[in-house]
Amino acid sequence: MEFQKIKLHRSEKNGAAVTQITLDDDYNVPDYRQDIVKVIKERGELRFDEVKAMEGAAWIKGSLVFKVLYRSDKQEGKISCLRGEIPFQERLNMDGLSEYDAVHATGDMEDLTIGVINSRKLNVRAVIVLTASSEKEVDEELTCELSDGSSYEQNIVEKEALKLLVVRRDICRQKSEAVLPSSKPNIREILWQSMQLRNVESRLVEGKIRLSGEILVSILYNDEEEGEHLSWYETTVPLDAQAECGVMEDDCIWQVQMVPLTMELEVKPDYDGEERILVMELALDTHIRIWKEEKIRLLTDLYSLQKEVKPVFRECPLERLLVKNAAKCRMTEQMELKEDKEKVLQICSCEGKVLLERQEIKPDGVLAEGTVEVNILYITPDDHMPVGAVQEIYPFSQLVEIPEMSPQAKVELDASLEQLSAVMLDQEHVEIRAAVRLDLIAFVQEVIQNIEEATESEPDLEMLRNRPGLVGYIAKAGDDLWTIARENHTTIQNIMETNHRKSEVLLAGEKVLIVKQVG
């Protein structure tokens, strides 16, 4: 007995681990930097230098890169900055992981606090959540039908299934330039810089995933005019990056998850030798998955009138797409400066970060809850402290609707900041407007009984003789002709012909005449 089979490619989790670590270290101010009086603004990002799999564990080695904008003790150059690193390494236990498995690591910084110990020393404390995950690709063999099934009754059904075409991690890079407008003075030293992604969209075009959107760039710098003079500049640069995926088919479903690896900015001279050109280098770690929806034929049961057939089943998962959806959550908040904060004269830049803290399955979708962290850098009217910064955290809640929602749905939700702006109302109040984009993809996994093989034996003739040759049957709710035919040793075709039926759909209360068949 030979079966025709199809292969369904899919991925499954090979393991995952999460740990929280605390970094607490003192950092000495380099000799070429001025003494610290007060920290104005700090920022940190995680860099992973090495991520490797071991037997039963993942090894992560990296560093916390922090930047500090501060008030110095000098009359000239009151505002200064510094950059430092704190290394870390961590082992995460993952059962079932081998040294040849691919493992991926991500990190979230839940808290960063930089305090002044003295004018030449800082205390850096950060709480970091590290996540390591591993996936493997498998080919599931599913039985379609018998190669020669002329003497067998086969129950073949059509089902929708997702076939995984590509799983790929790639690094997308982009190098861009922007020139300072003529109204802005030349750059002597960049004190603070920010690069943020906005309105990022992905498309599948001619075997490539194309990423488009905007890079919001803002800088605070010392210019080349006499005396201490601060200037700032903000602009947007188009994002246009791509990654090879090799899929040329239409009507595919794709999901791209992005994490910025590096966002570097430096200054170079123009043709006149003046420091006016901003050079931006961006590297995005992209996780690309592409599926195609297919209708497949599956053999769910079989029997024979000549022999006793016992199919051997094995449970197999079958995934189908429930929905791919995007929702926006808009926020308008009013930020009020605390009494110990300097007044606002002009806003330089507004940075933001979205943290998705909780998602709850509801009857009509997924309720997403999280926070938006807003950081504003501004110029003050105080000559002794010309730059100020303020940070606030605002909660948000949004229901992402899913038609035909199932409690067993597997939901993946990504949150990103699509828009963020800050408008000065007066010297103590700022209006914050934000739009959070929630990208959702949901799957439903069905466990089917796949026929791996079947055994044959001679029929029990005594039992067949004892069965009635003619049976009158009244259908109950949920009955189908396949089950009735199999239990009464006949075929669906025979029942249809005997009862002059045109439809195989059986309604509750219908009367059916069944004639036993032997051989």
Protein backbone atom coordinates (compact mmCIF):
# COMPACT_ATOMS: atom_id res chain seq x y z
CA MET A 1 0.00 0.00 0.00
CA GLU A 2 1.73 3.19 -1.21
CA PHE A 3 0.66 6.69 -0.24
CA GLN A 4 1.13 9.92 -2.14
CA LYS A 5 2.54 12.56 0.17
CA ILE A 6 3.20 16.29 0.10
CA LYS A 7 5.75 18.26 2.11
CA LEU A 8 4.68 21.26 4.13
CA HIS A 9 7.54 23.47 5.26
CA ARG A 10 7.20 25.23 8.60
CA SER A 11 9.25 26.52 11.53
CA GLU A 12 8.90 25.73 15.18
CA LYS A 13 10.48 27.04 18.34
CA ASN A 14 13.52 25.14 19.46
CA GLY A 15 13.80 26.92 22.77
CA ALA A 16 13.63 30.30 24.48
CA ALA A 17 15.02 31.86 27.63
CA VAL A 18 14.67 35.22 29.38
CA THR A 19 16.78 36.70 32.14
CA GLN A 20 17.12 40.05 33.87
CA ILE A 21 20.52 41.45 34.78
CA THR A 22 21.60 44.60 36.59
CA LEU A 23 24.68 46.51 35.53
CA ASP A 24 26.14 48.75 38.22
CA ASP A 25 29.52 50.32 37.54
CA ASP A 26 31.50 53.51 38.12
CA TYR A 27 32.85 55.37 35.12
CA ASN A 28 35.76 57.79 35.22
CA VAL A 29 35.46 60.89 33.05
CA PRO A 30 38.23 60.93 30.41
CA ASP A 31 40.98 63.53 30.87
CA TYR A 32 40.03 65.38 27.70
CA ARG A 33 36.49 65.96 28.99
CA GLN A 34 35.46 68.77 31.31
CA ASP A 35 34.35 68.32 34.91
CA ILE A 36 30.72 67.38 35.49
CA VAL A 37 28.40 69.62 37.46
CA LYS A 38 25.01 68.21 36.49
CA VAL A 39 23.72 65.49 34.16
CA ILE A 40 21.17 66.95 31.74
CA LYS A 41 20.29 63.92 29.63
CA GLU A 42 21.39 60.31 29.28
CA ARG A 43 20.73 57.54 26.78
CA GLY A 44 21.82 53.91 26.51
CA GLU A 45 21.72 51.19 23.88
CA LEU A 46 22.75 47.54 23.84
CA ARG A 47 25.38 46.13 21.50
CA PHE A 48 25.82 42.38 21.08
CA ASP A 49 29.35 41.33 20.21
CA GLU A 50 28.87 37.56 20.37
CA VAL A 51 25.83 35.28 20.54
CA LYS A 52 26.48 31.56 20.31
CA ALA A 53 24.76 28.30 21.13
CA MET A 54 26.16 25.72 23.53
CA GLU A 55 24.86 22.41 24.77
CA GLY A 56 21.75 23.38 26.74
CA ALA A 57 22.56 27.09 26.93
CA ALA A 58 23.05 30.30 24.96
CA TRP A 59 26.05 32.55 25.56
CA ILE A 60 25.60 36.33 25.13
CA LYS A 61 28.44 38.80 25.21
CA GLY A 62 27.98 42.52 24.64
CA SER A 63 28.11 45.98 26.12
CA LEU A 64 25.93 48.82 27.28
CA VAL A 65 26.85 51.95 25.31
CA PHE A 66 25.77 55.11 27.12
CA LYS A 67 25.90 58.79 26.23
CA VAL A 68 25.65 61.71 28.64
CA LEU A 69 24.92 65.38 28.02
CA TYR A 70 26.02 67.46 31.02
CA ARG A 71 26.69 70.91 32.44
CA SER A 72 30.38 71.50 33.00
CA ASP A 73 32.14 73.80 35.45
CA LYS A 74 33.77 76.00 32.81
CA GLN A 75 32.52 79.38 31.72
CA GLU A 76 33.42 78.57 28.12
CA GLY A 77 31.87 75.34 26.89
CA LYS A 78 29.25 75.09 29.60
CA ILE A 79 27.60 72.14 27.88
CA SER A 80 29.64 69.03 27.14
CA CYS A 81 29.12 65.34 26.42
CA LEU A 82 30.78 61.96 26.82
CA ARG A 83 30.34 58.39 25.66
CA GLY A 84 31.23 55.18 27.51
CA GLU A 85 30.72 51.42 27.54
CA ILE A 86 30.09 48.80 30.20
CA PRO A 87 30.69 45.20 29.06
CA PHE A 88 28.53 42.25 30.11
CA GLN A 89 28.29 38.53 29.46
CA GLU A 90 25.54 36.14 30.42
CA ARG A 91 24.67 32.47 30.10
CA LEU A 92 21.00 31.58 29.49
CA ASN A 93 19.97 27.96 30.02
CA MET A 94 17.92 26.54 27.12
CA ASP A 95 16.93 22.87 27.28
CA GLY A 96 17.39 21.00 24.04
CA LEU A 97 19.77 23.53 22.46
CA SER A 98 22.87 22.17 20.76
CA GLU A 99 26.04 23.96 19.73
CA TYR A 100 25.07 23.74 16.05
CA ASP A 101 21.70 25.48 16.46
CA ALA A 102 21.17 29.09 15.39
CA VAL A 103 20.31 31.35 18.31
CA HIS A 104 19.17 34.96 18.29
CA ALA A 105 19.37 37.48 21.12
CA THR A 106 17.48 40.69 21.86
CA GLY A 107 17.62 43.06 24.79
CA ASP A 108 15.42 45.70 26.40
CA MET A 109 16.67 48.32 28.80
CA GLU A 110 14.00 48.77 31.46
CA ASP A 111 15.87 51.40 33.45
CA LEU A 112 18.99 53.55 33.07
CA THR A 113 20.17 55.83 35.84
CA ILE A 114 23.39 57.86 35.65
CA GLY A 115 24.37 59.76 38.76
CA VAL A 116 27.26 62.07 39.61
CA ILE A 117 29.63 60.74 42.31
CA ASN A 118 32.02 63.64 41.89
CA SER A 119 33.13 65.94 39.08
CA ARG A 120 35.31 63.18 37.56
CA LYS A 121 33.25 60.06 38.24
CA LEU A 122 29.79 58.79 37.30
CA ASN A 123 27.73 55.89 38.58
CA VAL A 124 25.94 53.98 35.80
CA ARG A 125 23.15 51.62 36.75
CA ALA A 126 20.93 49.77 34.25
CA VAL A 127 18.34 47.00 34.42
CA ILE A 128 18.43 44.89 31.25
CA VAL A 129 16.15 42.08 30.07
CA LEU A 130 17.93 39.63 27.75
CA THR A 131 15.99 37.21 25.56
CA ALA A 132 17.49 34.31 23.60
CA SER A 133 15.46 32.25 21.14
CA SER A 134 16.09 29.48 18.66
CA GLU A 135 13.96 28.22 15.79
CA LYS A 136 14.33 25.25 13.49
CA GLU A 137 12.75 24.53 10.14
CA VAL A 138 10.99 21.21 9.58
CA ASP A 139 9.33 19.48 6.64
CA GLU A 140 6.04 17.84 7.56
CA GLU A 141 5.00 14.94 5.28
CA LEU A 142 1.23 14.74 4.88
CA THR A 143 -0.68 11.97 3.12
CA CYS A 144 -2.83 13.02 0.16
CA GLU A 145 -4.21 9.74 -1.15
CA LEU A 146 -3.38 6.15 -2.07
CA SER A 147 -1.27 5.72 -5.20
CA ASP A 148 -3.59 2.93 -6.35
CA GLY A 149 -6.81 3.29 -4.43
CA SER A 150 -9.24 1.61 -6.81
CA SER A 151 -10.23 -1.08 -4.28
CA TYR A 152 -10.36 1.28 -1.28
CA GLU A 153 -12.79 3.84 -0.04
CA GLN A 154 -10.94 7.08 0.72
CA ASN A 155 -12.12 10.14 2.62
CA ILE A 156 -10.19 13.06 1.12
CA VAL A 157 -10.77 16.62 2.33
CA GLU A 158 -9.43 19.99 1.24
CA LYS A 159 -7.84 22.26 3.82
CA GLU A 160 -6.19 25.67 3.78
CA ALA A 161 -2.63 25.64 5.07
CA LEU A 162 0.31 28.03 5.31
CA LYS A 163 3.46 26.90 3.58
CA LEU A 164 6.62 28.56 4.82
CA LEU A 165 8.73 29.77 1.91
CA VAL A 166 11.52 31.76 3.57
CA VAL A 167 12.93 32.37 7.02
CA ARG A 168 15.91 34.68 6.88
CA ARG A 169 17.81 37.07 9.05
CA ASP A 170 19.65 39.83 7.26
CA ILE A 171 21.28 43.16 8.00
CA CYS A 172 20.00 46.05 5.89
CA ARG A 173 22.37 48.99 5.61
CA GLN A 174 21.87 52.52 4.39
CA LYS A 175 24.27 55.43 4.14
CA SER A 176 22.80 58.90 3.66
CA GLU A 177 24.00 62.49 3.68
CA ALA A 178 22.35 65.77 4.60
CA VAL A 179 23.76 69.28 4.19
CA LEU A 180 23.18 72.03 6.75
CA PRO A 181 21.06 74.85 5.32
CA SER A 182 22.78 78.18 4.77
CA SER A 183 20.95 79.67 7.75
CA LYS A 184 22.78 77.32 10.12
CA PRO A 185 26.38 77.93 11.28
CA ASN A 186 29.21 75.43 10.79
CA ILE A 187 29.57 72.54 13.22
CA ARG A 188 32.45 72.54 15.68
CA GLU A 189 31.33 69.62 17.89
CA ILE A 190 28.14 67.57 18.07
CA LEU A 191 26.95 67.44 21.67
CA TRP A 192 23.82 65.34 21.22
CA GLN A 193 22.38 63.41 18.30
CA SER A 194 19.29 61.38 17.64
CA MET A 195 18.21 59.12 14.77
CA GLN A 196 14.74 57.61 14.86
CA LEU A 197 12.70 55.56 12.41
CA ARG A 198 9.21 56.72 11.45
CA ASN A 199 6.42 55.34 9.22
CA VAL A 200 8.36 52.23 8.24
CA GLU A 201 6.60 50.01 5.67
CA SER A 202 7.73 46.75 4.06
CA ARG A 203 6.93 45.45 0.57
CA LEU A 204 7.72 42.27 -1.32
CA VAL A 205 8.98 43.27 -4.77
CA GLU A 206 10.78 41.06 -7.31
CA GLY A 207 12.45 38.74 -4.86
CA LYS A 208 13.36 41.48 -2.37
CA ILE A 209 11.91 42.94 0.79
CA ARG A 210 12.00 46.72 0.44
CA LEU A 211 11.83 48.92 3.53
CA SER A 212 10.63 52.49 3.17
CA GLY A 213 9.92 55.27 5.62
CA GLU A 214 11.74 58.17 7.22
CA ILE A 215 14.77 58.68 9.43
CA LEU A 216 14.24 61.61 11.77
CA VAL A 217 17.63 63.20 12.52
CA SER A 218 18.28 65.90 15.10
CA ILE A 219 21.53 67.33 16.48
CA LEU A 220 22.58 69.81 19.14
CA TYR A 221 26.03 71.23 18.50
CA ASN A 222 28.61 73.87 19.32
CA ASP A 223 29.08 76.07 16.29
CA GLU A 224 32.18 77.90 15.09
CA GLU A 225 31.01 81.39 16.06
CA GLU A 226 32.95 83.32 18.69
CA GLY A 227 32.16 82.51 22.28
CA GLU A 228 29.96 79.64 23.39
CA HIS A 229 27.06 79.34 21.05
CA LEU A 230 24.69 76.40 20.77
CA SER A 231 22.81 75.52 17.59
CA TRP A 232 20.47 72.72 16.66
CA TYR A 233 19.17 71.20 13.47
CA GLU A 234 16.44 68.71 12.66
CA THR A 235 15.68 67.03 9.33
CA THR A 236 14.20 63.88 7.81
CA VAL A 237 16.01 61.51 5.47
CA PRO A 238 14.15 58.93 3.35
CA LEU A 239 14.61 55.31 4.39
CA ASP A 240 15.14 53.04 1.41
CA ALA A 241 16.75 49.70 2.23
CA GLN A 242 16.28 46.21 0.91
CA ALA A 243 17.05 42.58 1.69
CA GLU A 244 17.17 39.62 -0.66
CA CYS A 245 14.54 36.96 -0.02
CA GLY A 246 14.44 35.06 -3.34
CA VAL A 247 10.63 34.80 -3.46
CA MET A 248 9.23 35.78 -6.85
CA GLU A 249 5.67 34.51 -6.28
CA ASP A 250 2.62 36.73 -5.95
CA ASP A 251 -0.04 36.61 -3.24
CA CYS A 252 2.44 35.88 -0.47
CA ILE A 253 2.17 36.85 3.17
CA TRP A 254 5.24 38.37 4.78
CA GLN A 255 6.27 39.62 8.19
CA VAL A 256 9.37 41.73 8.80
CA GLN A 257 10.60 42.49 12.32
CA MET A 258 13.32 45.13 12.60
CA VAL A 259 15.76 46.08 15.34
CA PRO A 260 18.29 48.90 14.79
CA LEU A 261 21.81 47.57 15.32
CA THR A 262 23.73 50.81 14.76
CA MET A 263 22.64 54.35 13.97
CA GLU A 264 25.81 56.40 13.56
CA LEU A 265 26.19 60.05 12.62
CA GLU A 266 29.36 61.99 11.88
CA VAL A 267 30.32 65.29 10.25
CA LYS A 268 32.56 65.79 7.23
CA PRO A 269 33.67 68.96 5.40
CA ASP A 270 32.03 70.18 2.20
CA TYR A 271 33.85 71.36 -0.92
CA ASP A 272 34.84 74.58 0.87
CA GLY A 273 36.33 72.66 3.80
CA GLU A 274 33.55 73.69 6.18
CA GLU A 275 32.00 71.15 8.56
CA ARG A 276 28.49 71.12 7.12
CA ILE A 277 27.74 67.63 5.82
CA LEU A 278 26.03 65.08 8.07
CA VAL A 279 26.83 61.46 7.20
CA MET A 280 24.38 58.90 8.58
CA GLU A 281 24.93 55.14 8.64
CA LEU A 282 22.09 52.83 9.59
CA ALA A 283 22.17 49.06 10.13
CA LEU A 284 18.90 47.19 10.72
CA ASP A 285 18.71 43.59 11.90
CA THR A 286 15.73 42.18 9.99
CA HIS A 287 13.89 38.93 10.62
CA ILE A 288 12.01 38.02 7.44
CA ARG A 289 9.34 35.35 7.15
CA ILE A 290 7.31 34.67 4.02
CA TRP A 291 4.39 32.25 3.67
CA LYS A 292 2.00 31.23 0.93
CA GLU A 293 -1.55 30.05 1.49
CA GLU A 294 -2.30 26.79 -0.29
CA LYS A 295 -5.24 24.44 -0.55
CA ILE A 296 -4.04 20.90 0.11
CA ARG A 297 -5.77 17.50 -0.20
CA LEU A 298 -5.53 15.27 2.86
CA LEU A 299 -6.49 11.64 3.29
CA THR A 300 -8.31 11.47 6.60
CA ASP A 301 -9.64 7.88 6.57
CA LEU A 302 -9.86 4.75 4.41
CA TYR A 303 -11.39 1.26 4.44
CA SER A 304 -12.03 -1.63 2.09
CA LEU A 305 -14.94 -3.98 1.49
CA GLN A 306 -12.57 -6.86 0.67
CA LYS A 307 -10.08 -6.55 3.52
CA GLU A 308 -9.77 -5.34 7.08
CA VAL A 309 -7.77 -2.05 6.93
CA LYS A 310 -6.38 -0.31 10.00
CA PRO A 311 -4.77 3.09 9.35
CA VAL A 312 -1.96 4.26 11.66
CA PHE A 313 -2.35 7.93 12.60
CA ARG A 314 0.11 10.55 13.85
CA GLU A 315 -0.77 14.00 15.14
CA CYS A 316 0.51 16.81 12.91
CA PRO A 317 0.10 20.59 13.29
CA LEU A 318 -1.48 22.52 10.43
CA GLU A 319 -1.36 26.32 10.45
CA ARG A 320 -3.52 28.81 8.61
CA LEU A 321 -3.57 32.58 8.62
CA LEU A 322 -6.32 34.10 10.69
CA VAL A 323 -5.60 37.77 9.99
CA LYS A 324 -2.84 40.26 9.25
CA ASN A 325 -3.87 43.64 10.52
CA ALA A 326 -2.51 47.02 11.61
CA ALA A 327 -4.04 49.51 14.02
CA LYS A 328 -3.11 52.99 15.20
CA CYS A 329 -3.45 54.42 18.67
CA ARG A 330 -3.37 58.22 18.76
CA MET A 331 -2.49 60.13 21.90
CA THR A 332 -2.61 63.79 22.89
CA GLU A 333 -1.11 64.66 26.26
CA GLN A 334 -0.05 67.82 28.03
CA MET A 335 3.37 67.78 29.69
CA GLU A 336 3.88 70.09 32.63
CA LEU A 337 7.42 70.85 33.78
CA LYS A 338 8.22 70.29 37.43
CA GLU A 339 9.32 73.16 39.63
CA ASP A 340 12.97 72.08 39.64
CA LYS A 341 13.13 72.08 35.81
CA GLU A 342 14.38 75.00 33.76
CA LYS A 343 11.79 76.86 31.70
CA VAL A 344 11.41 76.17 27.97
CA LEU A 345 12.55 78.78 25.49
CA GLN A 346 12.62 76.61 22.38
CA ILE A 347 12.30 72.87 21.74
CA CYS A 348 15.31 71.26 20.01
CA SER A 349 14.21 67.64 19.63
CA CYS A 350 11.59 65.15 20.74
CA GLU A 351 12.53 61.47 21.04
CA GLY A 352 10.27 58.55 21.88
CA LYS A 353 10.26 54.85 22.60
CA VAL A 354 7.34 52.40 22.68
CA LEU A 355 7.22 49.53 25.16
CA LEU A 356 4.51 46.88 24.73
CA GLU A 357 3.87 45.60 28.24
CA ARG A 358 0.79 43.42 27.98
CA GLN A 359 -1.47 41.80 25.42
CA GLU A 360 -4.74 40.10 26.28
CA ILE A 361 -6.89 37.89 24.06
CA LYS A 362 -10.44 39.23 23.84
CA PRO A 363 -13.50 37.76 22.06
CA ASP A 364 -13.13 40.26 19.19
CA GLY A 365 -9.36 40.74 19.07
CA VAL A 366 -6.25 41.51 21.11
CA LEU A 367 -6.06 44.26 23.71
CA ALA A 368 -2.59 45.84 23.61
CA GLU A 369 -1.36 47.87 26.57
CA GLY A 370 1.95 49.66 26.87
CA THR A 371 3.74 52.95 27.39
CA VAL A 372 5.31 55.68 25.29
CA GLU A 373 8.45 57.22 26.75
CA VAL A 374 8.88 60.83 25.58
CA ASN A 375 12.17 62.71 25.92
CA ILE A 376 12.42 66.41 25.07
CA LEU A 377 15.63 68.41 24.70
CA TYR A 378 15.16 72.17 24.79
CA ILE A 379 16.89 75.54 25.05
CA THR A 380 16.27 77.49 28.27
CA PRO A 381 16.29 81.23 28.98
CA ASP A 382 18.92 80.64 31.72
CA ASP A 383 22.49 81.42 30.58
CA HIS A 384 23.94 79.34 33.43
CA MET A 385 22.00 76.25 32.25
CA PRO A 386 21.31 76.87 28.56
CA VAL A 387 20.01 73.35 27.83
CA GLY A 388 17.33 71.35 29.61
CA ALA A 389 15.72 67.96 29.20
CA VAL A 390 12.53 66.37 30.46
CA GLN A 391 11.13 62.85 30.29
CA GLU A 392 7.61 61.57 30.77
CA ILE A 393 5.92 58.18 30.30
CA TYR A 394 2.37 57.92 29.01
CA PRO A 395 0.24 54.74 28.96
CA PHE A 396 -1.80 53.62 25.98
CA SER A 397 -4.39 50.94 25.32
CA GLN A 398 -5.75 49.78 21.97
CA LEU A 399 -7.90 46.88 20.76
CA VAL A 400 -6.64 45.33 17.52
CA GLU A 401 -9.66 43.64 15.98
CA ILE A 402 -9.51 40.07 14.68
CA PRO A 403 -12.52 38.73 12.75
CA GLU A 404 -13.49 35.17 13.71
CA MET A 405 -11.26 35.35 16.76
CA SER A 406 -10.27 32.01 18.26
CA PRO A 407 -9.04 31.49 21.85
CA GLN A 408 -6.37 29.14 20.43
CA ALA A 409 -4.99 31.80 18.07
CA LYS A 410 -1.26 32.38 18.08
CA VAL A 411 -0.77 36.15 18.01
CA GLU A 412 2.37 38.15 17.20
CA LEU A 413 2.19 41.87 17.91
CA ASP A 414 4.81 44.55 17.19
CA ALA A 415 4.57 48.15 18.37
CA SER A 416 6.38 51.10 16.81
CA LEU A 417 6.20 54.86 17.02
CA GLU A 418 4.76 56.22 13.80
CA GLN A 419 4.50 59.89 14.75
CA LEU A 420 5.68 62.03 17.65
CA SER A 421 5.67 65.80 18.01
CA ALA A 422 6.04 68.35 20.80
CA VAL A 423 4.53 71.85 20.62
CA MET A 424 5.42 74.51 23.18
CA LEU A 425 2.30 76.03 24.77
CA ASP A 426 4.16 78.27 27.21
CA GLN A 427 7.42 78.08 29.17
CA GLU A 428 6.08 75.38 31.47
CA HIS A 429 3.70 73.37 29.27
CA VAL A 430 4.26 71.27 26.16
CA GLU A 431 1.64 69.44 24.10
CA ILE A 432 2.63 65.91 23.10
CA ARG A 433 1.03 64.20 20.12
CA ALA A 434 1.89 60.61 19.29
CA ALA A 435 0.67 57.78 17.06
CA VAL A 436 1.56 54.21 17.97
CA ARG A 437 1.38 51.63 15.18
CA LEU A 438 0.44 48.08 16.14
CA ASP A 439 1.23 45.41 13.54
CA LEU A 440 -0.52 42.12 14.18
CA ILE A 441 -0.38 38.74 12.54
CA ALA A 442 -2.46 35.88 13.93
CA PHE A 443 -2.43 32.17 13.11
CA VAL A 444 -4.71 29.30 13.98
CA GLN A 445 -3.05 25.95 14.50
CA GLU A 446 -5.11 22.82 13.94
CA VAL A 447 -3.89 19.39 14.98
CA ILE A 448 -4.83 16.81 12.34
CA GLN A 449 -4.60 13.02 12.40
CA ASN A 450 -2.28 12.22 9.53
CA ILE A 451 -2.24 8.64 8.14
CA GLU A 452 1.37 7.42 8.24
CA GLU A 453 0.69 3.87 7.08
CA ALA A 454 -2.02 1.19 7.09
CA THR A 455 -2.13 -2.52 7.87
CA GLU A 456 -4.24 -5.06 6.01
CA SER A 457 -5.71 -8.37 7.16
CA GLU A 458 -8.39 -10.82 6.08
CA PRO A 459 -11.93 -9.72 7.00
CA ASP A 460 -13.91 -11.37 9.80
CA LEU A 461 -16.48 -13.24 7.69
CA GLU A 462 -18.47 -14.45 10.70
CA MET A 463 -18.99 -10.86 11.88
CA LEU A 464 -20.02 -9.78 8.36
CA ARG A 465 -22.61 -12.57 8.14
CA ASN A 466 -24.13 -11.52 11.46
CA ARG A 467 -24.64 -7.95 10.25
CA PRO A 468 -28.12 -7.15 8.88
CA GLY A 469 -28.25 -6.91 5.10
CA LEU A 470 -30.77 -4.06 5.11
CA VAL A 471 -30.91 -1.19 7.59
CA GLY A 472 -33.23 1.79 7.90
CA TYR A 473 -31.49 4.74 9.53
CA ILE A 474 -32.77 8.12 10.78
CA ALA A 475 -29.99 10.74 10.67
CA LYS A 476 -29.02 12.67 13.76
CA ALA A 477 -27.37 16.09 13.91
CA GLY A 478 -23.71 15.80 12.93
CA ASP A 479 -24.07 12.53 10.99
CA ASP A 480 -22.30 12.17 7.66
CA LEU A 481 -22.54 9.57 4.90
CA TRP A 482 -18.87 8.52 5.22
CA THR A 483 -19.26 7.34 8.83
CA ILE A 484 -22.59 5.64 8.11
CA ALA A 485 -21.17 3.84 5.06
CA ARG A 486 -18.06 2.65 6.89
CA GLU A 487 -19.97 1.38 9.93
CA ASN A 488 -22.46 -0.54 7.76
CA HIS A 489 -19.93 -2.06 5.34
CA THR A 490 -21.03 -0.23 2.21
CA THR A 491 -20.01 2.82 0.19
CA ILE A 492 -21.25 6.38 -0.13
CA GLN A 493 -21.97 5.75 -3.81
CA ASN A 494 -24.15 2.75 -2.96
CA ILE A 495 -26.15 4.78 -0.42
CA MET A 496 -26.61 7.59 -2.94
CA GLU A 497 -27.86 5.22 -5.63
CA THR A 498 -30.13 3.23 -3.29
CA ASN A 499 -31.79 6.40 -1.96
CA HIS A 500 -31.70 8.35 -5.25
CA ARG A 501 -29.81 11.13 -3.53
CA LYS A 502 -28.07 13.98 -5.32
CA SER A 503 -26.35 15.52 -2.30
CA GLU A 504 -24.01 14.00 0.25
CA VAL A 505 -25.11 16.52 2.88
CA LEU A 506 -27.22 14.73 5.47
CA LEU A 507 -29.77 16.67 7.50
CA ALA A 508 -31.06 15.66 10.92
CA GLY A 509 -34.26 13.59 10.67
CA GLU A 510 -33.66 12.31 7.14
CA LYS A 511 -34.34 8.61 6.55
CA VAL A 512 -31.71 6.54 4.77
CA LEU A 513 -31.93 2.97 3.49
CA ILE A 514 -28.62 1.09 3.76
CA VAL A 515 -27.79 -2.13 1.90
CA LYS A 516 -24.79 -4.14 3.10
CA GLN A 517 -22.12 -4.96 0.50
CA VAL A 518 -19.73 -7.89 0.72
CA GLY A 519 -16.70 -8.24 -1.63
